[in-house]
Amino acid sequence: MNRLIHIGFGNIVNTGKIIAIVSPDSAPVKRMVQNAKEKGMAIDATQGRKTKSVLVMENSQLVLSALLPETIAGRAQLCGEESLSGGGEEDE
């Protein structure tokens, strides 16, 4: 079940398309982000704030967020638990 989660400043992503949520601090991730920006495959959802997490998507796009990876992961897990418990709005 694909769910949408808020990643800050009114930006929303599909949890079913997320492969990884990583911190942008390491050199390999910084290179990944720079390469994605050069290829037009980076989506900056930080609204000018500091990038605190990078979401790696199925289609090789990167989504930059100003929220911490733990915050986004927690929201994604909550969405998963809601679908397991049957608490979705799709029945209405």
C-alpha atoms as a PDB file:
ATOM      1  CA  MET A   1       0.000   0.000   0.000  1.00  0.00           C
ATOM      2  CA  ASN A   2       1.471   3.320  -1.043  1.00  0.00           C
ATOM      3  CA  ARG A   3       1.057   6.186   1.394  1.00  0.00           C
ATOM      4  CA  LEU A   4       2.043   9.829   1.240  1.00  0.00           C
ATOM      5  CA  ILE A   5       4.116  11.403   4.009  1.00  0.00           C
ATOM      6  CA  HIS A   6       4.932  15.016   4.749  1.00  0.00           C
ATOM      7  CA  ILE A   7       8.681  15.765   4.463  1.00  0.00           C
ATOM      8  CA  GLY A   8       8.520  19.404   5.500  1.00  0.00           C
ATOM      9  CA  PHE A   9       7.227  22.761   4.261  1.00  0.00           C
ATOM     10  CA  GLY A  10       4.178  21.311   2.538  1.00  0.00           C
ATOM     11  CA  ASN A  11       6.151  18.767   0.513  1.00  0.00           C
ATOM     12  CA  ILE A  12       4.890  15.190   0.306  1.00  0.00           C
ATOM     13  CA  VAL A  13       6.395  11.959  -1.054  1.00  0.00           C
ATOM     14  CA  ASN A  14       5.077   8.488  -1.801  1.00  0.00           C
ATOM     15  CA  THR A  15       6.445   6.038   0.801  1.00  0.00           C
ATOM     16  CA  GLY A  16       6.214   3.193  -1.709  1.00  0.00           C
ATOM     17  CA  LYS A  17       8.897   4.802  -3.867  1.00  0.00           C
ATOM     18  CA  ILE A  18      11.477   5.427  -1.094  1.00  0.00           C
ATOM     19  CA  ILE A  19      14.499   3.114  -1.120  1.00  0.00           C
ATOM     20  CA  ALA A  20      16.546   4.811   1.615  1.00  0.00           C
ATOM     21  CA  ILE A  21      16.593   7.846   3.886  1.00  0.00           C
ATOM     22  CA  VAL A  22      20.171   8.922   4.611  1.00  0.00           C
ATOM     23  CA  SER A  23      22.054  11.732   6.300  1.00  0.00           C
ATOM     24  CA  PRO A  24      23.757  14.146   3.862  1.00  0.00           C
ATOM     25  CA  ASP A  25      26.934  14.460   5.932  1.00  0.00           C
ATOM     26  CA  SER A  26      29.147  11.741   4.454  1.00  0.00           C
ATOM     27  CA  ALA A  27      31.337  12.355   1.397  1.00  0.00           C
ATOM     28  CA  PRO A  28      29.694   9.600  -0.712  1.00  0.00           C
ATOM     29  CA  VAL A  29      26.220  11.047  -0.119  1.00  0.00           C
ATOM     30  CA  LYS A  30      27.481  14.563  -0.892  1.00  0.00           C
ATOM     31  CA  ARG A  31      28.848  13.235  -4.206  1.00  0.00           C
ATOM     32  CA  MET A  32      25.539  11.503  -4.932  1.00  0.00           C
ATOM     33  CA  VAL A  33      23.651  14.745  -4.304  1.00  0.00           C
ATOM     34  CA  GLN A  34      26.040  16.786  -6.468  1.00  0.00           C
ATOM     35  CA  ASN A  35      25.800  14.260  -9.324  1.00  0.00           C
ATOM     36  CA  ALA A  36      21.993  14.216  -9.072  1.00  0.00           C
ATOM     37  CA  LYS A  37      21.873  18.029  -9.172  1.00  0.00           C
ATOM     38  CA  GLU A  38      24.084  18.078 -12.284  1.00  0.00           C
ATOM     39  CA  LYS A  39      21.827  15.532 -14.019  1.00  0.00           C
ATOM     40  CA  GLY A  40      18.608  17.244 -12.936  1.00  0.00           C
ATOM     41  CA  MET A  41      17.644  14.252 -10.786  1.00  0.00           C
ATOM     42  CA  ALA A  42      17.559  16.092  -7.432  1.00  0.00           C
ATOM     43  CA  ILE A  43      14.393  17.551  -5.970  1.00  0.00           C
ATOM     44  CA  ASP A  44      15.138  20.226  -3.375  1.00  0.00           C
ATOM     45  CA  ALA A  45      12.305  20.276  -0.832  1.00  0.00           C
ATOM     46  CA  THR A  46      14.278  22.223   1.806  1.00  0.00           C
ATOM     47  CA  GLN A  47      12.802  25.656   0.986  1.00  0.00           C
ATOM     48  CA  GLY A  48      16.272  27.165   1.426  1.00  0.00           C
ATOM     49  CA  ARG A  49      16.967  25.502   4.780  1.00  0.00           C
ATOM     50  CA  LYS A  50      19.891  23.217   5.544  1.00  0.00           C
ATOM     51  CA  THR A  51      19.554  19.721   4.060  1.00  0.00           C
ATOM     52  CA  LYS A  52      19.237  17.246   6.936  1.00  0.00           C
ATOM     53  CA  SER A  53      18.171  14.161   4.997  1.00  0.00           C
ATOM     54  CA  VAL A  54      18.320  12.723   1.508  1.00  0.00           C
ATOM     55  CA  LEU A  55      15.601  10.387   0.270  1.00  0.00           C
ATOM     56  CA  VAL A  56      16.756   7.959  -2.396  1.00  0.00           C
ATOM     57  CA  MET A  57      13.811   7.122  -4.635  1.00  0.00           C
ATOM     58  CA  GLU A  58      13.128   4.103  -6.885  1.00  0.00           C
ATOM     59  CA  ASN A  59      13.686   6.072 -10.086  1.00  0.00           C
ATOM     60  CA  SER A  60      17.199   7.200  -8.979  1.00  0.00           C
ATOM     61  CA  GLN A  61      15.950  10.640  -8.036  1.00  0.00           C
ATOM     62  CA  LEU A  62      17.059  12.200  -4.762  1.00  0.00           C
ATOM     63  CA  VAL A  63      14.733  14.283  -2.622  1.00  0.00           C
ATOM     64  CA  LEU A  64      16.427  16.719  -0.242  1.00  0.00           C
ATOM     65  CA  SER A  65      14.581  17.503   2.987  1.00  0.00           C
ATOM     66  CA  ALA A  66      15.173  19.837   5.923  1.00  0.00           C
ATOM     67  CA  LEU A  67      13.764  17.226   8.342  1.00  0.00           C
ATOM     68  CA  LEU A  68      15.970  14.715  10.143  1.00  0.00           C
ATOM     69  CA  PRO A  69      16.093  11.162   8.736  1.00  0.00           C
ATOM     70  CA  GLU A  70      14.672   9.848  12.019  1.00  0.00           C
ATOM     71  CA  THR A  71      11.634  12.122  11.707  1.00  0.00           C
ATOM     72  CA  ILE A  72      10.872  11.020   8.158  1.00  0.00           C
ATOM     73  CA  ALA A  73      11.478   7.353   8.978  1.00  0.00           C
ATOM     74  CA  GLY A  74       9.127   7.628  11.964  1.00  0.00           C
ATOM     75  CA  ARG A  75       6.392   9.102   9.774  1.00  0.00           C
ATOM     76  CA  ALA A  76       6.904   6.372   7.172  1.00  0.00           C
ATOM     77  CA  GLN A  77       6.663   3.684   9.860  1.00  0.00           C
ATOM     78  CA  LEU A  78       3.467   5.224  11.230  1.00  0.00           C
ATOM     79  CA  CYS A  79       1.941   5.084   7.758  1.00  0.00           C
ATOM     80  CA  GLY A  80       2.905   1.417   7.474  1.00  0.00           C
ATOM     81  CA  GLU A  81       1.404   0.581  10.861  1.00  0.00           C
ATOM     82  CA  GLU A  82      -1.850   2.362   9.980  1.00  0.00           C
ATOM     83  CA  SER A  83      -2.226   0.269   6.838  1.00  0.00           C
ATOM     84  CA  LEU A  84      -1.548  -2.925   8.805  1.00  0.00           C
ATOM     85  CA  SER A  85      -4.174  -2.031  11.418  1.00  0.00           C
ATOM     86  CA  GLY A  86      -6.726  -1.106   8.764  1.00  0.00           C
ATOM     87  CA  GLY A  87      -6.906   2.518   9.835  1.00  0.00           C
ATOM     88  CA  GLY A  88      -6.854   3.937   6.316  1.00  0.00           C
ATOM     89  CA  GLU A  89      -9.245   6.418   4.771  1.00  0.00           C
ATOM     90  CA  GLU A  90      -9.658   4.458   1.548  1.00  0.00           C
ATOM     91  CA  ASP A  91     -12.735   2.662   2.946  1.00  0.00           C
ATOM     92  CA  GLU A  92     -14.714   5.903   3.332  1.00  0.00           C
END
